[in-house]
Protein backbone atom coordinates (compact mmCIF):
# COMPACT_ATOMS: atom_id res chain seq x y z
CA UNK A 1 29.11 0.36 1.43
CA UNK A 2 27.44 1.01 4.77
CA UNK A 3 23.79 0.10 5.00
CA UNK A 4 21.01 2.38 6.16
CA UNK A 5 18.59 1.47 8.92
CA UNK A 6 14.99 1.56 7.76
CA UNK A 7 11.94 1.74 10.03
CA UNK A 8 8.54 2.86 8.74
CA UNK A 9 7.85 4.46 5.37
CA UNK A 10 4.53 5.73 4.01
CA UNK A 11 3.14 6.53 0.59
CA UNK A 12 -0.25 6.75 -1.09
CA UNK A 13 -1.99 4.01 -3.03
CA UNK A 14 -4.25 5.14 -5.86
CA UNK A 15 -7.59 3.62 -6.82
CA UNK A 16 -8.45 1.96 -10.12
CA UNK A 17 -5.16 1.05 -11.78
CA UNK A 18 -3.51 1.61 -8.40
CA UNK A 19 -4.80 -1.81 -7.47
CA UNK A 20 -2.27 -3.32 -9.90
CA UNK A 21 0.46 -1.43 -8.10
CA UNK A 22 -0.81 -2.80 -4.80
CA UNK A 23 -0.54 -6.41 -5.92
CA UNK A 24 2.91 -5.88 -7.44
CA UNK A 25 4.50 -3.72 -4.78
CA UNK A 26 2.87 -4.84 -1.56
CA UNK A 27 1.43 -8.30 -1.88
CA UNK A 28 4.20 -9.58 -4.13
CA UNK A 29 7.14 -8.82 -1.86
CA UNK A 30 7.96 -5.61 -3.73
CA UNK A 31 8.82 -7.81 -6.74
CA UNK A 32 8.13 -5.37 -9.55
CA UNK A 33 9.72 -7.81 -11.96
CA UNK A 34 6.89 -10.29 -11.37
CA UNK A 35 4.40 -8.07 -13.19
CA UNK A 36 0.66 -8.58 -12.72
CA UNK A 37 0.60 -11.54 -10.37
CA UNK A 38 -2.44 -12.41 -8.25
CA UNK A 39 -2.13 -12.67 -4.51
CA UNK A 40 -3.15 -16.31 -4.29
CA UNK A 41 -0.68 -17.50 -6.94
CA UNK A 42 2.05 -15.49 -5.33
CA UNK A 43 1.55 -17.17 -1.97
CA UNK A 44 1.61 -20.57 -3.63
CA UNK A 45 4.78 -19.83 -5.60
CA UNK A 46 6.73 -18.10 -2.89
CA UNK A 47 5.43 -19.88 0.17
CA UNK A 48 4.76 -16.61 2.01
CA UNK A 49 2.02 -16.53 4.62
CA UNK A 50 -1.19 -14.83 3.48
CA UNK A 51 -1.86 -11.32 4.67
CA UNK A 52 -4.15 -10.72 7.63
CA UNK A 53 -6.69 -8.03 8.38
CA UNK A 54 -5.73 -5.56 11.13
CA UNK A 55 -7.18 -2.47 12.78
CA UNK A 56 -10.00 -1.65 15.18
CA UNK A 57 -12.00 -0.23 12.27
CA UNK A 58 -12.82 -3.82 11.31
CA UNK A 59 -15.50 -3.74 14.02
CA UNK A 60 -17.63 -1.82 11.54
CA UNK A 61 -17.24 -4.35 8.70
CA UNK A 62 -19.62 -7.29 8.93
CA UNK A 63 -18.01 -10.64 8.25
CA UNK A 64 -14.37 -9.68 8.88
CA UNK A 65 -12.32 -9.73 12.07
CA UNK A 66 -8.75 -8.86 12.94
CA UNK A 67 -6.51 -11.82 12.10
CA UNK A 68 -8.65 -13.14 9.24
CA UNK A 69 -6.74 -14.02 6.07
CA UNK A 70 -6.76 -11.55 3.17
CA UNK A 71 -7.89 -12.77 -0.26
CA UNK A 72 -7.33 -11.29 -3.70
CA UNK A 73 -11.06 -10.68 -4.13
CA UNK A 74 -11.23 -8.74 -0.87
CA UNK A 75 -8.27 -6.61 -1.87
CA UNK A 76 -9.80 -5.86 -5.25
CA UNK A 77 -13.11 -4.84 -3.70
CA UNK A 78 -11.68 -2.58 -1.00
CA UNK A 79 -8.53 -1.12 -2.56
CA UNK A 80 -9.51 -1.37 -6.20
CA UNK A 81 -13.10 -0.14 -5.98
CA UNK A 82 -13.65 1.27 -2.47
CA UNK A 83 -16.39 -1.27 -1.76
CA UNK A 84 -17.07 -3.70 1.08
CA UNK A 85 -14.31 -6.36 1.08
CA UNK A 86 -16.98 -9.09 1.06
CA UNK A 87 -19.20 -7.38 -1.52
CA UNK A 88 -19.92 -10.41 -3.73
CA UNK A 89 -20.27 -12.77 -0.79
CA UNK A 90 -22.74 -10.47 0.94
CA UNK A 91 -24.74 -10.16 -2.26
CA UNK A 92 -24.97 -13.93 -2.76
CA UNK A 93 -25.96 -14.54 0.85
CA UNK A 94 -29.14 -12.45 0.52
CA UNK A 95 -32.32 -14.52 0.74
CA UNK A 96 -34.32 -12.51 -1.78
CA UNK A 97 -33.72 -13.72 -5.35
CA UNK A 98 -34.31 -10.27 -6.86
CA UNK A 99 -32.76 -7.16 -5.38
CA UNK A 100 -33.37 -3.60 -6.36
CA UNK A 101 -30.49 -1.36 -7.42
CA UNK A 102 -30.68 0.30 -4.02
CA UNK A 103 -30.51 -3.05 -2.23
CA UNK A 104 -27.44 -4.08 -4.22
CA UNK A 105 -25.70 -0.82 -3.43
CA UNK A 106 -26.47 -1.09 0.28
CA UNK A 107 -25.09 -4.63 0.39
CA UNK A 108 -21.89 -3.91 -1.51
CA UNK A 109 -21.03 -0.32 -0.61
CA UNK A 110 -18.71 0.94 2.09
CA UNK A 111 -19.48 4.62 1.82
CA UNK A 112 -18.92 6.18 -1.59
CA UNK A 113 -17.09 3.89 -4.06
CA UNK A 114 -13.86 5.16 -5.56
CA UNK A 115 -14.10 7.12 -8.76
CA UNK A 116 -12.20 5.06 -11.28
CA UNK A 117 -10.98 6.28 -14.65
CA UNK A 118 -8.73 3.81 -16.38
CA UNK A 119 -9.20 5.41 -19.79
CA UNK A 120 -5.89 5.75 -21.57
CA UNK A 121 -4.67 9.26 -22.29
CA UNK A 122 -4.20 10.39 -25.92
CA UNK A 123 -0.45 10.06 -25.43
CA UNK A 124 -0.80 6.46 -24.24
CA UNK A 125 -3.13 5.64 -27.13
CA UNK A 126 -0.64 6.99 -29.69
CA UNK A 127 2.25 5.12 -28.10
CA UNK A 128 0.27 1.87 -28.09
CA UNK A 129 -0.71 2.41 -31.72
CA UNK A 130 2.89 2.88 -32.88
CA UNK A 131 4.10 -0.12 -30.87
CA UNK A 132 1.39 -2.25 -32.45
CA UNK A 133 2.36 -1.01 -35.92
CA UNK A 134 6.01 -1.82 -35.28
CA UNK A 135 5.11 -5.26 -33.96
CA UNK A 136 2.96 -5.97 -37.03
CA UNK A 137 5.64 -4.85 -39.47
CA UNK A 138 8.38 -7.08 -38.15
CA UNK A 139 8.74 -10.56 -36.77
CA UNK A 140 11.14 -9.29 -34.09
CA UNK A 141 9.69 -8.75 -30.60
CA UNK A 142 9.37 -5.09 -29.62
CA UNK A 143 11.93 -4.63 -26.85
CA UNK A 144 12.15 -2.06 -24.06
CA UNK A 145 14.53 0.13 -26.08
CA UNK A 146 12.01 0.35 -28.92
CA UNK A 147 9.23 1.29 -26.53
CA UNK A 148 11.39 4.01 -24.96
CA UNK A 149 12.26 5.39 -28.40
CA UNK A 150 8.60 5.50 -29.39
CA UNK A 151 7.62 7.29 -26.18
CA UNK A 152 10.32 9.86 -26.85
CA UNK A 153 9.17 10.44 -30.42
CA UNK A 154 5.51 10.76 -29.46
CA UNK A 155 6.35 13.07 -26.56
CA UNK A 156 8.29 15.40 -28.89
CA UNK A 157 5.27 15.59 -31.18
CA UNK A 158 2.89 16.33 -28.32
CA UNK A 159 5.25 19.00 -27.00
CA UNK A 160 5.44 20.72 -30.42
CA UNK A 161 1.65 20.66 -30.75
CA UNK A 162 1.20 22.18 -27.29
CA UNK A 163 4.02 24.76 -27.25
CA UNK A 164 4.82 25.40 -30.91
CA UNK A 165 8.48 24.49 -30.49
CA UNK A 166 10.76 21.59 -29.64
CA UNK A 167 11.66 20.88 -26.01
CA UNK A 168 14.87 22.71 -25.12
CA UNK A 169 16.25 20.03 -22.82
CA UNK A 170 15.66 16.61 -21.33
CA UNK A 171 13.78 18.08 -18.38
CA UNK A 172 11.05 19.53 -20.60
CA UNK A 173 10.78 16.29 -22.56
CA UNK A 174 10.54 14.18 -19.41
CA UNK A 175 7.96 16.57 -18.00
CA UNK A 176 5.81 16.17 -21.11
CA UNK A 177 5.94 12.37 -20.81
CA UNK A 178 5.08 12.51 -17.11
CA UNK A 179 2.15 14.89 -17.69
CA UNK A 180 0.70 12.97 -20.60
CA UNK A 181 1.12 9.60 -18.88
CA UNK A 182 -0.44 10.68 -15.60
CA UNK A 183 -3.58 8.67 -14.80
CA UNK A 184 -6.74 10.69 -14.85
CA UNK A 185 -7.90 9.27 -11.55
CA UNK A 186 -6.15 10.64 -8.48
CA UNK A 187 -8.44 8.99 -5.94
CA UNK A 188 -6.42 7.74 -2.96
CA UNK A 189 -7.31 4.12 -2.19
CA UNK A 190 -5.14 3.93 0.90
CA UNK A 191 -1.69 4.27 2.40
CA UNK A 192 1.17 1.76 2.31
CA UNK A 193 2.96 1.65 5.67
CA UNK A 194 6.13 -0.44 5.50
CA UNK A 195 7.74 -1.51 8.81
CA UNK A 196 11.33 -2.78 8.74
CA UNK A 197 13.57 -3.30 11.79
CA UNK A 198 17.25 -2.38 11.86
CA UNK A 199 19.41 -4.96 10.11
CA UNK A 200 20.72 -6.67 13.25
CA UNK A 201 17.18 -7.76 14.13
CA UNK A 202 16.73 -9.53 10.79
CA UNK A 203 20.24 -10.97 11.08
CA UNK A 204 19.62 -12.49 14.52
CA UNK A 205 16.20 -13.72 13.41
CA UNK A 206 17.76 -15.46 10.38
CA UNK A 207 20.41 -17.47 12.25
CA UNK A 208 18.95 -18.03 15.73
CA UNK A 209 17.28 -21.34 16.50
CA UNK A 210 13.61 -21.48 15.40
CA UNK A 211 12.18 -20.84 18.87
CA UNK A 212 14.16 -17.63 19.27
CA UNK A 213 13.37 -16.60 15.71
CA UNK A 214 9.66 -17.00 16.46
CA UNK A 215 10.00 -14.73 19.51
CA UNK A 216 11.73 -12.08 17.38
CA UNK A 217 8.97 -12.24 14.78
CA UNK A 218 6.29 -11.91 17.47
CA UNK A 219 8.11 -8.87 18.89
CA UNK A 220 8.17 -7.30 15.43
CA UNK A 221 4.45 -7.94 14.97
CA UNK A 222 3.70 -6.51 18.42
CA UNK A 223 5.70 -3.36 17.59
CA UNK A 224 3.79 -2.95 14.33
CA UNK A 225 0.59 -3.23 16.35
CA UNK A 226 1.81 -0.58 18.80
CA UNK A 227 2.59 1.81 15.95
CA UNK A 228 -0.83 1.23 14.38
CA UNK A 229 -2.53 1.91 17.72
CA UNK A 230 -0.57 5.16 18.02
CA UNK A 231 -1.85 6.18 14.59
CA UNK A 232 -5.41 5.22 15.49
CA UNK A 233 -5.35 7.11 18.78
CA UNK A 234 -3.54 10.28 17.72
CA UNK A 235 -3.36 10.62 13.95
CA UNK A 236 -6.51 9.11 12.44
CA UNK A 237 -9.34 11.49 11.58
CA UNK A 238 -11.76 12.32 8.80
CA UNK A 239 -13.28 15.59 7.61
CA UNK A 240 -16.95 16.55 7.45
CA UNK A 241 -19.02 19.61 6.69
CA UNK A 242 -18.68 22.16 3.87
CA UNK A 243 -15.17 21.98 2.35
CA UNK A 244 -14.31 19.42 5.04
CA UNK A 245 -14.10 22.17 7.65
CA UNK A 246 -14.64 19.86 10.64
CA UNK A 247 -12.03 17.27 11.63
CA UNK A 248 -13.70 14.52 13.62
CA UNK A 249 -12.81 11.27 15.37
CA UNK A 250 -13.20 7.86 13.74
CA UNK A 251 -13.54 4.31 15.02
CA UNK A 252 -10.19 3.00 13.77
CA UNK A 253 -8.30 1.92 10.67
CA UNK A 254 -8.92 -0.99 8.30
CA UNK A 255 -5.68 -2.52 7.08
CA UNK A 256 -4.24 -5.59 5.37
CA UNK A 257 -0.85 -6.63 6.78
CA UNK A 258 1.63 -8.71 4.76
CA UNK A 259 4.77 -9.97 6.52
CA UNK A 260 7.68 -11.11 4.34
CA UNK A 261 10.95 -12.82 5.08
CA UNK A 262 13.52 -11.64 2.56
CA UNK A 263 14.50 -8.81 0.29
CA UNK A 264 14.38 -8.90 -3.49
CA UNK A 265 18.07 -9.86 -3.32
CA UNK A 266 17.26 -12.92 -1.18
CA UNK A 267 18.83 -11.52 2.01
CA UNK A 268 17.03 -11.97 5.33
CA UNK A 269 14.73 -8.99 5.69
CA UNK A 270 11.87 -9.40 8.12
CA UNK A 271 9.37 -6.66 7.25
CA UNK A 272 5.66 -5.97 7.17
CA UNK A 273 3.57 -3.95 4.72
CA UNK A 274 0.29 -2.61 6.06
CA UNK A 275 -2.06 -1.36 3.36
CA UNK A 276 -4.38 1.01 5.22
CA UNK A 277 -7.68 1.53 3.39
CA UNK A 278 -8.81 5.10 2.79
CA UNK A 279 -12.08 4.19 4.48
CA UNK A 280 -12.81 5.14 8.09
CA UNK A 281 -16.07 5.15 10.01
CA UNK A 282 -17.20 8.20 11.95
CA UNK A 283 -18.60 7.78 15.44
CA UNK A 284 -22.10 8.20 13.96
CA UNK A 285 -21.52 5.36 11.47
CA UNK A 286 -20.66 7.08 8.16
CA UNK A 287 -17.80 5.77 6.01
CA UNK A 288 -15.57 8.60 4.80
CA UNK A 289 -11.96 9.17 3.70
CA UNK A 290 -8.96 9.60 5.98
CA UNK A 291 -7.66 13.12 6.63
CA UNK A 292 -4.18 12.40 5.28
CA UNK A 293 -2.72 15.69 6.52
CA UNK A 294 -2.33 14.36 10.04
CA UNK A 295 -1.19 10.91 8.93
CA UNK A 296 1.78 12.33 7.09
CA UNK A 297 2.61 14.75 9.90
CA UNK A 298 2.69 11.82 12.32
CA UNK A 299 4.81 9.56 10.08
CA UNK A 300 8.15 10.03 11.87
CA UNK A 301 6.55 9.83 15.31
CA UNK A 302 4.84 6.57 14.31
CA UNK A 303 8.13 5.23 12.97
CA UNK A 304 9.90 6.02 16.24
CA UNK A 305 7.00 4.44 18.15
CA UNK A 306 7.69 1.22 16.22
CA UNK A 307 11.43 1.45 16.95
CA UNK A 308 10.91 1.99 20.66
CA UNK A 309 8.28 -0.73 20.95
CA UNK A 310 10.47 -3.24 19.10
CA UNK A 311 13.41 -2.63 21.42
CA UNK A 312 11.18 -2.92 24.49
CA UNK A 313 9.50 -6.13 23.32
CA UNK A 314 12.84 -7.75 22.45
CA UNK A 315 14.35 -6.60 25.74
CA UNK A 316 11.41 -8.02 27.69
CA UNK A 317 11.28 -11.35 25.83
CA UNK A 318 14.94 -12.11 25.05
CA UNK A 319 16.88 -9.65 27.24
CA UNK A 320 18.89 -8.45 24.24
CA UNK A 321 20.44 -4.99 24.38
CA UNK A 322 20.65 -2.24 21.79
CA UNK A 323 23.44 0.32 21.46
CA UNK A 324 24.40 2.98 18.96
CA UNK A 325 26.27 1.46 16.05
CA UNK A 326 29.91 2.44 15.93
CA UNK A 327 31.06 4.44 12.94
CA UNK A 328 27.68 6.12 12.45
CA UNK A 329 27.84 9.26 10.33
CA UNK A 330 27.82 12.14 12.87
CA UNK A 331 25.70 14.23 10.50
CA UNK A 332 22.92 11.64 10.69
CA UNK A 333 20.88 10.31 13.56
CA UNK A 334 22.57 7.32 15.23
CA UNK A 335 21.29 3.82 14.45
CA UNK A 336 20.88 1.42 17.36
CA UNK A 337 21.68 -2.23 16.73
CA UNK A 338 21.56 -5.39 18.84
CA UNK A 339 24.73 -5.77 20.89
CA UNK A 340 26.67 -8.90 19.92
CA UNK A 341 25.44 -9.27 16.34
CA UNK A 342 28.46 -9.21 14.03
CA UNK A 343 28.42 -6.03 11.92
CA UNK A 344 30.02 -7.96 9.05
CA UNK A 345 26.85 -10.00 8.69
CA UNK A 346 24.72 -6.87 8.72
CA UNK A 347 26.83 -5.45 5.91
CA UNK A 348 26.91 -8.73 3.98
CA UNK A 349 23.13 -8.88 3.92
CA UNK A 350 22.87 -5.26 2.86
CA UNK A 351 25.62 -5.13 0.23
CA UNK A 352 23.52 -6.65 -2.54
CA UNK A 353 21.06 -3.79 -2.40
CA UNK A 354 23.98 -1.37 -2.65
CA UNK A 355 25.25 -3.19 -5.75
CA UNK A 356 21.79 -3.05 -7.30
CA UNK A 357 21.54 0.70 -6.64
CA UNK A 358 24.94 1.32 -8.25
CA UNK A 359 24.02 -0.73 -11.33
CA UNK A 360 20.62 0.95 -11.56
CA UNK A 361 22.34 4.34 -11.57
CA UNK A 362 24.64 3.22 -14.37
CA UNK A 363 21.69 2.01 -16.43
CA UNK A 364 19.84 5.29 -15.86
CA UNK A 365 22.85 7.28 -17.10
CA UNK A 366 23.04 5.11 -20.21
CA UNK A 367 19.29 5.53 -20.79
CA UNK A 368 19.68 9.32 -20.60
CA UNK A 369 22.47 9.21 -23.15
CA UNK A 370 20.54 6.94 -25.53
CA UNK A 371 17.18 8.73 -25.41
CA UNK A 372 18.00 12.28 -24.41
CA UNK A 373 15.74 12.17 -21.35
CA UNK A 374 15.53 10.45 -17.97
CA UNK A 375 13.45 7.26 -17.69
CA UNK A 376 9.79 7.42 -16.74
CA UNK A 377 8.56 5.71 -13.58
CA UNK A 378 7.64 2.55 -15.48
CA UNK A 379 10.94 2.56 -17.37
CA UNK A 380 12.81 3.09 -14.08
CA UNK A 381 11.10 -0.03 -12.70
CA UNK A 382 12.32 -2.00 -15.71
CA UNK A 383 15.84 -0.67 -15.12
CA UNK A 384 15.60 -1.73 -11.47
CA UNK A 385 14.56 -5.20 -12.60
CA UNK A 386 17.49 -5.34 -15.02
CA UNK A 387 19.91 -4.19 -12.33
CA UNK A 388 18.57 -6.83 -9.93
CA UNK A 389 19.02 -9.60 -12.48
CA UNK A 390 22.49 -8.48 -13.55
CA UNK A 391 23.82 -8.30 -9.98
CA UNK A 392 22.21 -11.51 -8.73
CA UNK A 393 24.74 -14.19 -7.84
CA UNK A 394 22.58 -17.05 -9.00
CA UNK A 395 18.93 -17.42 -9.73
CA UNK A 396 17.18 -19.63 -7.22
CA UNK A 397 13.73 -21.17 -7.16
CA UNK A 398 11.19 -19.95 -4.59
CA UNK A 399 12.21 -21.29 -1.21
CA UNK A 400 10.46 -22.31 1.97
CA UNK A 401 11.49 -20.78 5.26
CA UNK A 402 13.49 -23.91 6.05
CA UNK A 403 15.40 -23.61 2.77
CA UNK A 404 15.99 -19.92 3.37
CA UNK A 405 17.35 -20.53 6.87
CA UNK A 406 19.71 -23.20 5.54
CA UNK A 407 21.06 -20.80 2.92
CA UNK A 408 21.43 -17.97 5.44
CA UNK A 409 23.27 -20.22 7.89
CA UNK A 410 25.78 -21.19 5.19
CA UNK A 411 26.28 -17.54 4.26
CA UNK A 412 26.68 -16.51 7.90
CA UNK A 413 29.20 -19.25 8.56
CA UNK A 414 31.26 -18.12 5.57
CA UNK A 415 31.32 -14.54 6.89
CA UNK A 416 32.03 -15.04 10.60
CA UNK A 417 34.20 -18.17 10.48
CA UNK A 418 32.06 -21.30 10.63
CA UNK A 419 28.92 -22.69 12.31
CA UNK A 420 30.47 -22.56 15.79
CA UNK A 421 31.23 -18.87 15.35
CA UNK A 422 27.61 -18.24 14.33
CA UNK A 423 26.36 -20.09 17.42
CA UNK A 424 28.74 -18.11 19.63
CA UNK A 425 27.52 -14.85 18.11
CA UNK A 426 23.90 -15.76 18.82
CA UNK A 427 24.74 -16.75 22.39
CA UNK A 428 26.53 -13.43 22.95
CA UNK A 429 23.59 -11.44 21.55
CA UNK A 430 21.17 -13.28 23.84
CA UNK A 431 23.36 -12.78 26.91
CA UNK A 432 25.14 -9.44 26.35
CA UNK A 433 27.78 -8.31 28.82
CA UNK A 434 26.57 -4.72 28.91
CA UNK A 435 25.13 -2.73 31.74
CA UNK A 436 21.37 -2.57 32.07
CA UNK A 437 20.17 0.96 31.29
CA UNK A 438 19.29 2.89 34.42
CA UNK A 439 15.69 3.55 35.28
CA UNK A 440 14.20 6.96 34.56
CA UNK A 441 13.69 9.30 37.50
CA UNK A 442 12.81 12.97 37.97
CA UNK A 443 16.38 14.05 37.26
CA UNK A 444 16.44 12.00 34.05
CA UNK A 445 13.14 13.49 32.97
CA UNK A 446 14.35 17.08 33.48
CA UNK A 447 17.72 16.51 31.81
CA UNK A 448 16.19 14.68 28.85
CA UNK A 449 13.57 17.38 28.38
CA UNK A 450 16.42 19.89 28.13
CA UNK A 451 18.11 17.73 25.49
CA UNK A 452 14.93 17.36 23.46
CA UNK A 453 14.36 21.10 23.56
CA UNK A 454 17.96 21.71 22.45
CA UNK A 455 17.42 19.41 19.46
CA UNK A 456 14.28 21.34 18.52
CA UNK A 457 16.11 24.68 18.77
CA UNK A 458 19.04 23.50 16.69
CA UNK A 459 16.94 22.10 13.85
CA UNK A 460 13.97 24.49 13.52
CA UNK A 461 12.55 27.80 14.73
CA UNK A 462 9.10 26.34 15.49
CA UNK A 463 7.95 22.82 16.22
CA UNK A 464 4.86 20.71 16.69
CA UNK A 465 3.94 17.92 19.03
CA UNK A 466 4.91 15.34 16.39
CA UNK A 467 8.53 16.58 16.29
CA UNK A 468 8.84 16.46 20.07
CA UNK A 469 7.25 13.03 20.37
CA UNK A 470 9.58 11.53 17.78
CA UNK A 471 12.64 12.91 19.57
CA UNK A 472 11.28 11.83 22.96
CA UNK A 473 10.91 8.25 21.70
CA UNK A 474 14.59 8.17 20.75
CA UNK A 475 15.53 8.90 24.37
CA UNK A 476 12.90 6.76 26.07
CA UNK A 477 14.13 3.57 24.44
CA UNK A 478 17.55 4.00 26.08
CA UNK A 479 16.10 3.15 29.52
CA UNK A 480 14.89 -0.24 30.71
CA UNK A 481 11.10 0.00 30.90
CA UNK A 482 8.14 -2.12 29.89
CA UNK A 483 6.26 -0.93 26.83
CA UNK A 484 3.39 0.36 28.97
CA UNK A 485 5.68 2.43 31.20
CA UNK A 486 7.67 3.59 28.17
CA UNK A 487 4.48 5.00 26.64
CA UNK A 488 3.64 6.82 29.87
CA UNK A 489 7.18 8.21 30.09
CA UNK A 490 6.97 9.44 26.51
CA UNK A 491 3.77 11.33 27.33
CA UNK A 492 5.40 12.87 30.39
CA UNK A 493 8.45 13.92 28.38
CA UNK A 494 6.37 15.48 25.61
CA UNK A 495 4.32 17.39 28.17
CA UNK A 496 7.47 18.57 29.96
CA UNK A 497 8.95 19.94 26.74
CA UNK A 498 5.80 21.55 25.35
CA UNK A 499 4.13 22.83 28.50
CA UNK A 500 7.13 23.71 30.66
CA UNK A 501 9.91 24.60 28.22
CA UNK A 502 8.19 25.79 25.05
CA UNK A 503 6.06 28.81 24.18
CA UNK A 504 2.81 28.17 22.34
CA UNK A 505 2.26 30.37 19.28
CA UNK A 506 -1.52 30.10 19.40
CA UNK A 507 -3.72 32.79 17.92
CA UNK A 508 -5.58 34.95 20.45
CA UNK A 509 -8.81 33.36 21.62
CA UNK A 510 -12.02 34.85 20.23
CA UNK A 511 -13.83 33.95 23.42
CA UNK A 512 -16.19 31.52 21.70
CA UNK A 513 -16.52 28.15 23.39
CA UNK A 514 -17.73 25.28 21.20
CA UNK A 515 -20.37 22.95 22.66
CA UNK A 516 -19.43 19.35 23.36
CA UNK A 517 -20.94 18.29 20.04
CA UNK A 518 -18.27 20.33 18.24
CA UNK A 519 -15.35 18.92 20.18
CA UNK A 520 -13.26 15.83 19.61
CA UNK A 521 -12.76 13.16 22.24
CA UNK A 522 -9.71 14.98 23.65
CA UNK A 523 -11.72 18.20 24.09
CA UNK A 524 -10.19 20.06 21.14
CA UNK A 525 -12.38 21.90 18.65
CA UNK A 526 -13.38 20.07 15.46
CA UNK A 527 -12.49 23.32 13.66
CA UNK A 528 -8.80 22.83 14.47
CA UNK A 529 -6.30 20.38 12.97
CA UNK A 530 -5.01 17.85 15.49
CA UNK A 531 -1.35 18.33 16.36
CA UNK A 532 -1.03 21.51 14.30
CA UNK A 533 -0.22 23.81 17.23
CA UNK A 534 3.13 25.56 16.80
CA UNK A 535 5.65 26.07 19.61
CA UNK A 536 8.93 27.88 19.98
CA UNK A 537 11.22 28.80 22.91
CA UNK A 538 12.43 31.93 24.63
CA UNK A 539 15.90 31.31 23.22
CA UNK A 540 14.53 31.38 19.66
CA UNK A 541 12.49 34.52 20.34
CA UNK A 542 15.52 36.26 21.87
CA UNK A 543 17.65 35.35 18.84
CA UNK A 544 15.02 36.71 16.49
CA UNK A 545 14.80 39.91 18.49
CA UNK A 546 18.57 40.39 18.27
CA UNK A 547 18.39 40.01 14.49
CA UNK A 548 15.56 42.52 14.24
CA UNK A 549 17.41 45.05 16.39
CA UNK A 550 20.51 44.79 14.22
CA UNK A 551 18.50 45.27 11.04
CA UNK A 552 17.16 48.60 12.30
CA UNK A 553 20.59 50.01 13.11
CA UNK A 554 21.81 52.78 10.79
CA UNK A 555 25.15 53.83 12.33
CA UNK A 556 27.26 50.93 11.05
CA UNK A 557 30.19 51.28 8.68
CA UNK A 558 29.59 51.24 4.94
CA UNK A 559 31.51 50.17 1.89
CA UNK A 560 31.19 52.64 -1.00
CA UNK A 561 31.62 51.56 -4.58
CA UNK A 562 34.54 53.18 -6.42
């Protein structure tokens, strides 16, 4: 089964019990099967490097600097409670033996702490009660199937009590379980940004000699940094004033970055999770929450920024070349891979995930048949764990990087035809016999701007700066430029498309000019949402006008019913 290239994904992290999710999903290499495992023990068991603090927002946090190691206590304070990462340490370092409540709060707070509500819902209480009763009445351990059956029974009872009837189908039953299991706290503790290069990058990193592998990892880290800077400069804001009416600049993000080496299936998978705290500091020093609207709008553009930066850094440091992968589905955007890396290896180190997904689907179908409803989120995680275990070739103990590289070299040799074939593949990738992409000039800029506009017109009737920037990045990385010049070219291309080829759909000006105090650093009003301006083109407007004119016609032929 063909693999899918993954770049940057984003989703919310919730406060309170969301901290448990953070340690399982982010710090523990996505290993949901490991359960509640602390960060420190995980690093010891797996041999992964500790996370590091990142982001220019760290300048506002006393005692922490970019590059410092992340500890479990710091994660609990910041992401679990919304407090200063060094809350306890700062409290103990105070000279005065007795502190007032206000002093303690000032030492430990980072703005307003998260509202936490870990109280179980009535549904969860009833489920726990019945499980305990079953466990007490039998010597047999309560298994996952028993727990699922109890949830189903309790959910049916809750549905009858609420609606006066039984659920008519599995969808209603599953909806009842989801509603009654939903945590009462919806406070957002942060955002999980996951950066993964295309598979050929991890493949080359896994089998190249250690010096080259280190260069690849540094390029990946530099690209992650470039994407984070893009977010800080163009997509990171907070809201102030009544109902959060003003969107204002902040000093930067505070994040914890965890870089991991393999996938849950044990395949080489160089990737980095950045847990961005939902705490940003305004220019006047207040700690407030991130305006997530812009973050999510900028997600694809940030992802493409990472892709472009990674190609540029690898091109500058190793002179590798990227090209569109052959056989790419024409209905999807093309995936660019490193020239010379054997596609069989890319597929080999992606096939296990495909097997897991197939088995997980089979288990979900069986669960539906057994219980008359789809699995809940927690039950789906257990099914994913079961699928992973059932499709695993052989269970192995936690391995060091050296052990992992030895295993990957053996696997690569088996796929491509021996150690010499692996070495030849690496040599070819590092010295590709492909033409160097031509430099961008005025003609390239004009032609590419036309292409970007055509993509906008084919996929939507209106667009925003984020859509254009993402598409511009996909073209900029096809030319041989340094990362600094690539960024400048991207800005030029975006400006060419929006200012010269698009039509702004801005509301008529009311003639009121805000003073400088009510403008952001780029001059825009704090009463507007950054990047929210809509654009279209004359071609779209002409097409709409043709449709309108046809609708108003009344002299066309008619079909009369018999």
